Amino acid sequence: MKRRTTTLQLQQAVTNNLLQIISAEAYSKSTRKTTAIPTDTFKYSLDIICETVLASCIGWHYERDYKTNGYIAECSRMDGCAENIVTVHLRVNDSSNVEEIERILKIEEE
């Protein structure tokens, strides 16, 4: 089941070494092409976005990938008007526990 998270929460899980970025890609709906994003470039871009006011404007959905014991996070997949979809594959670090990751990623509904 896909759950919502924020850019800041995703960055916090990566920065705290709970999750490690395995791969990232951008899919363009108009050209129907997928472009790989180097992991260090994605991490740098994520850090820069989190320093701006735009961080709260970008929504993410994530789900647990039980086959790989990791997570998949997607931006703009649920937005029909968005041109690009960003997908990030994340691995759970050996010293991390899933409960802590879920606590950081989960948005508390009011």
C-alpha atoms as a PDB file:
ATOM      1  CA  MET A   1       0.000   0.000   0.000  1.00  0.00           C
ATOM      2  CA  LYS A   2       1.360   3.402  -0.967  1.00  0.00           C
ATOM      3  CA  ARG A   3       1.628   5.997   1.774  1.00  0.00           C
ATOM      4  CA  ARG A   4       2.344   9.692   1.584  1.00  0.00           C
ATOM      5  CA  THR A   5       5.538  11.271   2.825  1.00  0.00           C
ATOM      6  CA  THR A   6       7.317  14.581   2.427  1.00  0.00           C
ATOM      7  CA  THR A   7      10.607  15.607   0.856  1.00  0.00           C
ATOM      8  CA  LEU A   8      12.000  16.503   4.286  1.00  0.00           C
ATOM      9  CA  GLN A   9      11.047  13.147   5.781  1.00  0.00           C
ATOM     10  CA  LEU A  10      12.593  11.262   2.871  1.00  0.00           C
ATOM     11  CA  GLN A  11      15.793  13.272   3.208  1.00  0.00           C
ATOM     12  CA  GLN A  12      15.858  12.664   6.970  1.00  0.00           C
ATOM     13  CA  ALA A  13      15.641   8.883   6.499  1.00  0.00           C
ATOM     14  CA  VAL A  14      18.545   8.984   4.024  1.00  0.00           C
ATOM     15  CA  THR A  15      20.640  11.440   6.068  1.00  0.00           C
ATOM     16  CA  ASN A  16      20.198   9.381   9.259  1.00  0.00           C
ATOM     17  CA  ASN A  17      21.535   6.329   7.370  1.00  0.00           C
ATOM     18  CA  LEU A  18      18.304   4.401   7.798  1.00  0.00           C
ATOM     19  CA  LEU A  19      17.892   4.112   4.034  1.00  0.00           C
ATOM     20  CA  GLN A  20      20.472   4.067   1.269  1.00  0.00           C
ATOM     21  CA  ILE A  21      19.721   5.253  -2.269  1.00  0.00           C
ATOM     22  CA  ILE A  22      20.231   2.363  -4.678  1.00  0.00           C
ATOM     23  CA  SER A  23      18.971   3.998  -7.871  1.00  0.00           C
ATOM     24  CA  ALA A  24      16.930   6.950  -9.060  1.00  0.00           C
ATOM     25  CA  GLU A  25      15.263   7.676 -12.365  1.00  0.00           C
ATOM     26  CA  ALA A  26      13.099  10.269 -14.060  1.00  0.00           C
ATOM     27  CA  TYR A  27      10.368   9.291 -16.504  1.00  0.00           C
ATOM     28  CA  SER A  28       9.020  11.838 -18.988  1.00  0.00           C
ATOM     29  CA  LYS A  29       5.391  11.268 -19.954  1.00  0.00           C
ATOM     30  CA  SER A  30       5.653  13.214 -23.210  1.00  0.00           C
ATOM     31  CA  THR A  31       8.748  11.442 -24.560  1.00  0.00           C
ATOM     32  CA  ARG A  32       8.081   8.143 -22.768  1.00  0.00           C
ATOM     33  CA  LYS A  33      11.750   7.877 -21.888  1.00  0.00           C
ATOM     34  CA  THR A  34      13.349   7.021 -18.582  1.00  0.00           C
ATOM     35  CA  THR A  35      16.600   8.679 -17.590  1.00  0.00           C
ATOM     36  CA  ALA A  36      18.809   7.322 -14.821  1.00  0.00           C
ATOM     37  CA  ILE A  37      19.860   9.830 -12.171  1.00  0.00           C
ATOM     38  CA  PRO A  38      23.216   9.143 -10.490  1.00  0.00           C
ATOM     39  CA  THR A  39      22.677   8.482  -6.777  1.00  0.00           C
ATOM     40  CA  ASP A  40      25.084  11.199  -5.653  1.00  0.00           C
ATOM     41  CA  THR A  41      23.346  13.728  -7.922  1.00  0.00           C
ATOM     42  CA  PHE A  42      19.945  12.734  -6.544  1.00  0.00           C
ATOM     43  CA  LYS A  43      21.165  13.021  -2.932  1.00  0.00           C
ATOM     44  CA  TYR A  44      22.705  16.438  -3.628  1.00  0.00           C
ATOM     45  CA  SER A  45      19.499  17.644  -5.327  1.00  0.00           C
ATOM     46  CA  LEU A  46      17.395  16.332  -2.445  1.00  0.00           C
ATOM     47  CA  ASP A  47      19.565  18.217   0.057  1.00  0.00           C
ATOM     48  CA  ILE A  48      19.329  21.447  -1.967  1.00  0.00           C
ATOM     49  CA  ILE A  49      15.542  21.200  -2.333  1.00  0.00           C
ATOM     50  CA  CYS A  50      15.186  20.666   1.425  1.00  0.00           C
ATOM     51  CA  GLU A  51      16.968  23.971   2.040  1.00  0.00           C
ATOM     52  CA  THR A  52      14.378  25.889   0.012  1.00  0.00           C
ATOM     53  CA  VAL A  53      10.742  26.768   0.542  1.00  0.00           C
ATOM     54  CA  LEU A  54       9.891  24.389  -2.312  1.00  0.00           C
ATOM     55  CA  ALA A  55      10.429  21.310  -0.140  1.00  0.00           C
ATOM     56  CA  SER A  56       6.874  21.406   1.197  1.00  0.00           C
ATOM     57  CA  CYS A  57       5.469  21.710  -2.345  1.00  0.00           C
ATOM     58  CA  ILE A  58       6.798  18.336  -3.470  1.00  0.00           C
ATOM     59  CA  GLY A  59       4.832  15.301  -2.373  1.00  0.00           C
ATOM     60  CA  TRP A  60       6.076  11.730  -2.363  1.00  0.00           C
ATOM     61  CA  HIS A  61       4.444   8.325  -2.076  1.00  0.00           C
ATOM     62  CA  TYR A  62       6.356   5.343  -0.771  1.00  0.00           C
ATOM     63  CA  GLU A  63       5.791   1.659  -0.292  1.00  0.00           C
ATOM     64  CA  ARG A  64       7.719  -1.223   1.139  1.00  0.00           C
ATOM     65  CA  ASP A  65       9.303  -3.521  -1.442  1.00  0.00           C
ATOM     66  CA  TYR A  66       9.271  -6.902   0.257  1.00  0.00           C
ATOM     67  CA  LYS A  67      11.123  -8.623  -2.605  1.00  0.00           C
ATOM     68  CA  THR A  68      14.236  -6.510  -2.091  1.00  0.00           C
ATOM     69  CA  ASN A  69      13.694  -5.636   1.588  1.00  0.00           C
ATOM     70  CA  GLY A  70      13.721  -1.972   0.666  1.00  0.00           C
ATOM     71  CA  TYR A  71      11.459   0.899  -0.262  1.00  0.00           C
ATOM     72  CA  ILE A  72      10.322   2.587  -3.450  1.00  0.00           C
ATOM     73  CA  ALA A  73       9.511   6.302  -3.295  1.00  0.00           C
ATOM     74  CA  GLU A  74       7.820   8.131  -6.159  1.00  0.00           C
ATOM     75  CA  CYS A  75       7.161  11.764  -6.847  1.00  0.00           C
ATOM     76  CA  SER A  76       4.364  12.884  -9.216  1.00  0.00           C
ATOM     77  CA  ARG A  77       3.084   9.394 -10.101  1.00  0.00           C
ATOM     78  CA  MET A  78      -0.322  10.204  -8.576  1.00  0.00           C
ATOM     79  CA  ASP A  79      -0.489  13.671 -10.189  1.00  0.00           C
ATOM     80  CA  GLY A  80      -2.152  13.466 -13.591  1.00  0.00           C
ATOM     81  CA  CYS A  81      -0.915  16.937 -14.570  1.00  0.00           C
ATOM     82  CA  ALA A  82       2.758  16.278 -13.832  1.00  0.00           C
ATOM     83  CA  GLU A  83       5.119  15.871 -16.776  1.00  0.00           C
ATOM     84  CA  ASN A  84       7.865  13.934 -14.980  1.00  0.00           C
ATOM     85  CA  ILE A  85       7.799  11.065 -12.515  1.00  0.00           C
ATOM     86  CA  VAL A  86      10.789  10.519 -10.236  1.00  0.00           C
ATOM     87  CA  THR A  87      11.304   7.054  -8.770  1.00  0.00           C
ATOM     88  CA  VAL A  88      13.864   6.222  -6.088  1.00  0.00           C
ATOM     89  CA  HIS A  89      14.794   2.714  -4.972  1.00  0.00           C
ATOM     90  CA  LEU A  90      16.041   2.588  -1.389  1.00  0.00           C
ATOM     91  CA  ARG A  91      17.696  -0.172   0.610  1.00  0.00           C
ATOM     92  CA  VAL A  92      17.261  -0.622   4.349  1.00  0.00           C
ATOM     93  CA  ASN A  93      20.671  -0.393   6.018  1.00  0.00           C
ATOM     94  CA  ASP A  94      21.701  -3.391   8.115  1.00  0.00           C
ATOM     95  CA  SER A  95      21.640  -1.485  11.401  1.00  0.00           C
ATOM     96  CA  SER A  96      18.193   0.043  10.724  1.00  0.00           C
ATOM     97  CA  ASN A  97      14.844  -1.243  11.847  1.00  0.00           C
ATOM     98  CA  VAL A  98      11.671  -0.923   9.814  1.00  0.00           C
ATOM     99  CA  GLU A  99       9.671   0.606  12.684  1.00  0.00           C
ATOM    100  CA  GLU A 100      12.057   3.564  12.890  1.00  0.00           C
ATOM    101  CA  ILE A 101      11.933   4.074   9.122  1.00  0.00           C
ATOM    102  CA  GLU A 102       8.128   3.969   9.099  1.00  0.00           C
ATOM    103  CA  ARG A 103       7.999   6.435  11.999  1.00  0.00           C
ATOM    104  CA  ILE A 104      10.155   8.933  10.106  1.00  0.00           C
ATOM    105  CA  LEU A 105       8.447   8.532   6.720  1.00  0.00           C
ATOM    106  CA  LYS A 106       4.821   8.419   7.840  1.00  0.00           C
ATOM    107  CA  ILE A 107       2.786  11.615   7.706  1.00  0.00           C
ATOM    108  CA  GLU A 108       0.666  12.088  10.799  1.00  0.00           C
ATOM    109  CA  GLU A 109      -2.877  12.829   9.637  1.00  0.00           C
ATOM    110  CA  GLU A 110      -4.652  15.557  11.555  1.00  0.00           C
END
